[in-house]
Each structure stands twice: as structure tokens, then as C-alpha cells.
């Protein structure tokens, strides 16, 4: 499977992980929002979901370099422009890069626009080009995958 296919599968897997978190949150929120009207909680999903998605993608991509879906597909996010670290070049992404990359993942429609605009500009995703990040297969040198950012 090519890298783009792995990214699509990883995004679908991440959708299931975020959905599981939403069910857990909704179960606990049910008792605090409106105990007697069980279906009232579904009105809040539209407002809770974007924050959960942004937190999920931003925290995991920054701290471990990949989300659950990306880990299962053996791909990871790296910065295309390394920073100097104590041990040499550091290719990990910053919180701002992770947050900006995650903006189009809030709902399914913006990610499609992001991919289409990215393909037009010669990148995989437009926000990967803006943040100067790339998704590579694990244990791959960043210099050999420059065409993907």
C-alpha cells in the first residue's frame, strides 16, 4: 500500500478512536447535562467534537509523532525543517505545527478540500505544506521523503 493509502486508512482508524472517546464523554456528560432527557446530549456533540478532535490529533502527533491510526499503519509525522537539539537535528513537530495540521480534520469535509488543494499545489495536503511537515513511514529518513510534504 502506498503512503497516501496508509494515511487514508489511518484517518479512518482515528475516526473510530475519536468516536469511542465521544461515547465515553457522552456517557459521563449525560448525568451532568440533563439526566431526565437522555437525547439532549446529542445536541452538544457538534460543539464537543471539534475540541476533542483537535486535542487528540495535536497532543498525540506532538508528543509521540503519530496518532493511534498512524501507529497501526507504521507512519509518523515529522517536521521537514529540523530544529537544532542537544543530540543533533530534531525532526519532531511543535504544538503549533500539530494544531495547524489538525484544523482540517475537524469534520470530514474540510479534509477533502485540504487534500484537493494540496494535490493542486503538488503536496499531499495543503496544511502539510503550510506547516512544513511530512508524513513518512517509520524508520525512514526525512530527506528521502521530501516529496510528501
C-alpha atoms as a PDB file:
ATOM      1  CA  UNK A   1       0.000   0.000   0.000  1.00  0.00           C
ATOM      2  CA  UNK A   2       1.330   3.441  -0.877  1.00  0.00           C
ATOM      3  CA  UNK A   3       1.781   6.207   1.689  1.00  0.00           C
ATOM      4  CA  UNK A   4      -1.402   8.048   0.698  1.00  0.00           C
ATOM      5  CA  UNK A   5      -3.448   4.867   1.140  1.00  0.00           C
ATOM      6  CA  UNK A   6      -1.889   4.324   4.555  1.00  0.00           C
ATOM      7  CA  UNK A   7      -2.811   7.879   5.530  1.00  0.00           C
ATOM      8  CA  UNK A   8      -6.427   7.341   4.489  1.00  0.00           C
ATOM      9  CA  UNK A   9      -6.674   4.101   6.463  1.00  0.00           C
ATOM     10  CA  UNK A  10      -5.015   5.777   9.464  1.00  0.00           C
ATOM     11  CA  UNK A  11      -7.560   8.620   9.331  1.00  0.00           C
ATOM     12  CA  UNK A  12     -10.441   6.123   9.280  1.00  0.00           C
ATOM     13  CA  UNK A  13      -8.937   4.246  12.242  1.00  0.00           C
ATOM     14  CA  UNK A  14      -8.537   7.541  14.109  1.00  0.00           C
ATOM     15  CA  UNK A  15     -12.194   8.287  13.415  1.00  0.00           C
ATOM     16  CA  UNK A  16     -13.115   5.112  15.313  1.00  0.00           C
ATOM     17  CA  UNK A  17     -10.819   6.030  18.207  1.00  0.00           C
ATOM     18  CA  UNK A  18     -12.316   9.529  18.469  1.00  0.00           C
ATOM     19  CA  UNK A  19     -15.816   8.028  18.247  1.00  0.00           C
ATOM     20  CA  UNK A  20     -15.002   5.759  21.175  1.00  0.00           C
ATOM     21  CA  UNK A  21     -13.866   8.777  23.187  1.00  0.00           C
ATOM     22  CA  UNK A  22     -17.079  10.600  22.240  1.00  0.00           C
ATOM     23  CA  UNK A  23     -19.187   7.729  23.555  1.00  0.00           C
ATOM     24  CA  UNK A  24     -17.293   7.748  26.847  1.00  0.00           C
ATOM     25  CA  UNK A  25     -17.644  11.522  27.163  1.00  0.00           C
ATOM     26  CA  UNK A  26     -21.328  11.385  26.285  1.00  0.00           C
ATOM     27  CA  UNK A  27     -21.946   8.682  28.870  1.00  0.00           C
ATOM     28  CA  UNK A  28     -20.476  10.808  31.651  1.00  0.00           C
ATOM     29  CA  UNK A  29     -21.912  14.082  30.321  1.00  0.00           C
ATOM     30  CA  UNK A  30     -25.366  12.527  30.264  1.00  0.00           C
ATOM     31  CA  UNK A  31     -25.504  12.677  34.063  1.00  0.00           C
ATOM     32  CA  UNK A  32     -24.368  16.296  34.249  1.00  0.00           C
ATOM     33  CA  UNK A  33     -26.197  17.931  31.338  1.00  0.00           C
ATOM     34  CA  UNK A  34     -29.698  16.619  31.573  1.00  0.00           C
ATOM     35  CA  UNK A  35     -30.405  13.437  33.475  1.00  0.00           C
ATOM     36  CA  UNK A  36     -34.083  13.230  32.521  1.00  0.00           C
ATOM     37  CA  UNK A  37     -33.782  13.983  28.815  1.00  0.00           C
ATOM     38  CA  UNK A  38     -31.355  11.369  27.534  1.00  0.00           C
ATOM     39  CA  UNK A  39     -31.265  12.569  23.912  1.00  0.00           C
ATOM     40  CA  UNK A  40     -30.391  16.168  24.848  1.00  0.00           C
ATOM     41  CA  UNK A  41     -26.719  15.147  24.915  1.00  0.00           C
ATOM     42  CA  UNK A  42     -26.672  14.719  21.134  1.00  0.00           C
ATOM     43  CA  UNK A  43     -27.216  18.465  20.732  1.00  0.00           C
ATOM     44  CA  UNK A  44     -23.826  19.053  22.366  1.00  0.00           C
ATOM     45  CA  UNK A  45     -21.845  16.682  20.169  1.00  0.00           C
ATOM     46  CA  UNK A  46     -21.449  19.316  17.465  1.00  0.00           C
ATOM     47  CA  UNK A  47     -19.672  21.583  19.948  1.00  0.00           C
ATOM     48  CA  UNK A  48     -17.647  18.967  21.823  1.00  0.00           C
ATOM     49  CA  UNK A  49     -16.373  17.022  18.809  1.00  0.00           C
ATOM     50  CA  UNK A  50     -14.097  19.722  17.275  1.00  0.00           C
ATOM     51  CA  UNK A  51     -12.284  20.254  20.579  1.00  0.00           C
ATOM     52  CA  UNK A  52     -11.864  16.530  21.091  1.00  0.00           C
ATOM     53  CA  UNK A  53     -10.509  16.044  17.559  1.00  0.00           C
ATOM     54  CA  UNK A  54      -8.094  18.966  17.865  1.00  0.00           C
ATOM     55  CA  UNK A  55      -6.860  17.735  21.241  1.00  0.00           C
ATOM     56  CA  UNK A  56      -6.497  14.131  20.041  1.00  0.00           C
ATOM     57  CA  UNK A  57      -4.515  14.898  16.886  1.00  0.00           C
ATOM     58  CA  UNK A  58      -2.470  17.761  18.350  1.00  0.00           C
ATOM     59  CA  UNK A  59      -1.381  16.047  21.555  1.00  0.00           C
ATOM     60  CA  UNK A  60      -0.588  12.668  20.026  1.00  0.00           C
ATOM     61  CA  UNK A  61       1.203  13.994  16.937  1.00  0.00           C
ATOM     62  CA  UNK A  62       3.308  16.364  19.028  1.00  0.00           C
ATOM     63  CA  UNK A  63       4.159  14.014  21.887  1.00  0.00           C
ATOM     64  CA  UNK A  64       4.623  10.647  20.156  1.00  0.00           C
ATOM     65  CA  UNK A  65       4.802  11.685  16.494  1.00  0.00           C
ATOM     66  CA  UNK A  66       1.704   9.759  15.432  1.00  0.00           C
ATOM     67  CA  UNK A  67      -1.903   9.048  16.303  1.00  0.00           C
ATOM     68  CA  UNK A  68      -3.235   5.572  17.045  1.00  0.00           C
ATOM     69  CA  UNK A  69      -4.185   5.109  13.386  1.00  0.00           C
ATOM     70  CA  UNK A  70      -0.789   6.264  12.157  1.00  0.00           C
ATOM     71  CA  UNK A  71       0.965   3.926  14.601  1.00  0.00           C
ATOM     72  CA  UNK A  72      -1.115   0.990  13.383  1.00  0.00           C
ATOM     73  CA  UNK A  73      -0.185   1.840   9.790  1.00  0.00           C
ATOM     74  CA  UNK A  74       3.502   2.366  10.724  1.00  0.00           C
ATOM     75  CA  UNK A  75       3.660   6.000   9.626  1.00  0.00           C
ATOM     76  CA  UNK A  76       4.608   9.111  11.584  1.00  0.00           C
ATOM     77  CA  UNK A  77       4.650  12.899  11.336  1.00  0.00           C
ATOM     78  CA  UNK A  78       7.949  14.754  11.082  1.00  0.00           C
ATOM     79  CA  UNK A  79       8.970  18.330  10.515  1.00  0.00           C
ATOM     80  CA  UNK A  80      10.517  18.919   7.113  1.00  0.00           C
ATOM     81  CA  UNK A  81      12.699  21.646   8.623  1.00  0.00           C
ATOM     82  CA  UNK A  82      14.711  20.301  11.571  1.00  0.00           C
ATOM     83  CA  UNK A  83      15.497  22.260  14.708  1.00  0.00           C
ATOM     84  CA  UNK A  84      18.835  22.073  16.436  1.00  0.00           C
ATOM     85  CA  UNK A  85      18.735  19.928  19.508  1.00  0.00           C
ATOM     86  CA  UNK A  86      21.283  18.786  22.048  1.00  0.00           C
ATOM     87  CA  UNK A  87      21.609  15.467  20.249  1.00  0.00           C
ATOM     88  CA  UNK A  88      21.680  16.864  16.716  1.00  0.00           C
ATOM     89  CA  UNK A  89      18.806  17.594  14.366  1.00  0.00           C
ATOM     90  CA  UNK A  90      15.330  17.332  15.835  1.00  0.00           C
ATOM     91  CA  UNK A  91      12.581  16.437  13.349  1.00  0.00           C
ATOM     92  CA  UNK A  92       9.719  16.365  15.856  1.00  0.00           C
ATOM     93  CA  UNK A  93       6.901  18.814  15.229  1.00  0.00           C
ATOM     94  CA  UNK A  94       5.887  21.667  17.507  1.00  0.00           C
ATOM     95  CA  UNK A  95       2.470  22.196  19.096  1.00  0.00           C
ATOM     96  CA  UNK A  96       1.686  24.974  16.626  1.00  0.00           C
ATOM     97  CA  UNK A  97       2.526  22.741  13.663  1.00  0.00           C
ATOM     98  CA  UNK A  98       0.405  19.929  15.118  1.00  0.00           C
ATOM     99  CA  UNK A  99      -2.533  22.249  15.794  1.00  0.00           C
ATOM    100  CA  UNK A 100      -2.500  23.821  12.330  1.00  0.00           C
ATOM    101  CA  UNK A 101      -2.205  20.375  10.684  1.00  0.00           C
ATOM    102  CA  UNK A 102      -5.277  19.260  12.650  1.00  0.00           C
ATOM    103  CA  UNK A 103      -7.567  22.132  11.683  1.00  0.00           C
ATOM    104  CA  UNK A 104      -8.886  20.466   8.554  1.00  0.00           C
ATOM    105  CA  UNK A 105      -9.570  17.201  10.401  1.00  0.00           C
ATOM    106  CA  UNK A 106     -12.385  18.673  12.496  1.00  0.00           C
ATOM    107  CA  UNK A 107     -15.066  17.287  10.212  1.00  0.00           C
ATOM    108  CA  UNK A 108     -14.771  15.102   7.116  1.00  0.00           C
ATOM    109  CA  UNK A 109     -15.499  17.818   4.526  1.00  0.00           C
ATOM    110  CA  UNK A 110     -12.536  20.186   5.220  1.00  0.00           C
ATOM    111  CA  UNK A 111     -10.028  17.341   4.950  1.00  0.00           C
ATOM    112  CA  UNK A 112     -11.264  16.598   1.428  1.00  0.00           C
ATOM    113  CA  UNK A 113     -10.767  20.257   0.452  1.00  0.00           C
ATOM    114  CA  UNK A 114      -7.332  20.182   2.099  1.00  0.00           C
ATOM    115  CA  UNK A 115      -6.274  17.122   0.093  1.00  0.00           C
ATOM    116  CA  UNK A 116      -7.636  18.513  -3.195  1.00  0.00           C
ATOM    117  CA  UNK A 117      -5.861  21.864  -2.702  1.00  0.00           C
ATOM    118  CA  UNK A 118      -2.718  20.023  -1.641  1.00  0.00           C
ATOM    119  CA  UNK A 119      -2.765  17.902  -4.790  1.00  0.00           C
ATOM    120  CA  UNK A 120      -3.195  21.041  -6.913  1.00  0.00           C
ATOM    121  CA  UNK A 121      -0.158  22.640  -5.243  1.00  0.00           C
ATOM    122  CA  UNK A 122       1.902  19.458  -5.559  1.00  0.00           C
ATOM    123  CA  UNK A 123       1.727  18.274  -1.965  1.00  0.00           C
ATOM    124  CA  UNK A 124      -0.266  15.576  -0.213  1.00  0.00           C
ATOM    125  CA  UNK A 125      -2.205  18.094   1.902  1.00  0.00           C
ATOM    126  CA  UNK A 126      -2.207  21.880   1.792  1.00  0.00           C
ATOM    127  CA  UNK A 127      -1.738  22.184   5.566  1.00  0.00           C
ATOM    128  CA  UNK A 128       1.290  19.872   5.417  1.00  0.00           C
ATOM    129  CA  UNK A 129       2.878  22.355   3.033  1.00  0.00           C
ATOM    130  CA  UNK A 130       1.936  25.362   5.160  1.00  0.00           C
ATOM    131  CA  UNK A 131       3.282  23.812   8.381  1.00  0.00           C
ATOM    132  CA  UNK A 132       6.286  22.296   6.609  1.00  0.00           C
ATOM    133  CA  UNK A 133       5.575  18.841   7.930  1.00  0.00           C
ATOM    134  CA  UNK A 134       5.580  15.461   6.261  1.00  0.00           C
ATOM    135  CA  UNK A 135       4.200  12.026   6.969  1.00  0.00           C
ATOM    136  CA  UNK A 136       6.730   9.271   6.434  1.00  0.00           C
ATOM    137  CA  UNK A 137       6.917   5.567   7.030  1.00  0.00           C
ATOM    138  CA  UNK A 138       8.510   4.685  10.370  1.00  0.00           C
ATOM    139  CA  UNK A 139      12.280   4.289  10.331  1.00  0.00           C
ATOM    140  CA  UNK A 140      12.596   6.309   7.125  1.00  0.00           C
ATOM    141  CA  UNK A 141      14.995   9.188   6.777  1.00  0.00           C
ATOM    142  CA  UNK A 142      13.182  12.513   6.296  1.00  0.00           C
ATOM    143  CA  UNK A 143      15.486  13.506   3.447  1.00  0.00           C
ATOM    144  CA  UNK A 144      14.264  10.629   1.279  1.00  0.00           C
ATOM    145  CA  UNK A 145      10.599  11.601   1.634  1.00  0.00           C
ATOM    146  CA  UNK A 146      10.682  15.323   0.860  1.00  0.00           C
ATOM    147  CA  UNK A 147       8.112  14.991  -1.943  1.00  0.00           C
ATOM    148  CA  UNK A 148       5.333  14.187   0.581  1.00  0.00           C
ATOM    149  CA  UNK A 149       5.154  17.494   2.432  1.00  0.00           C
END
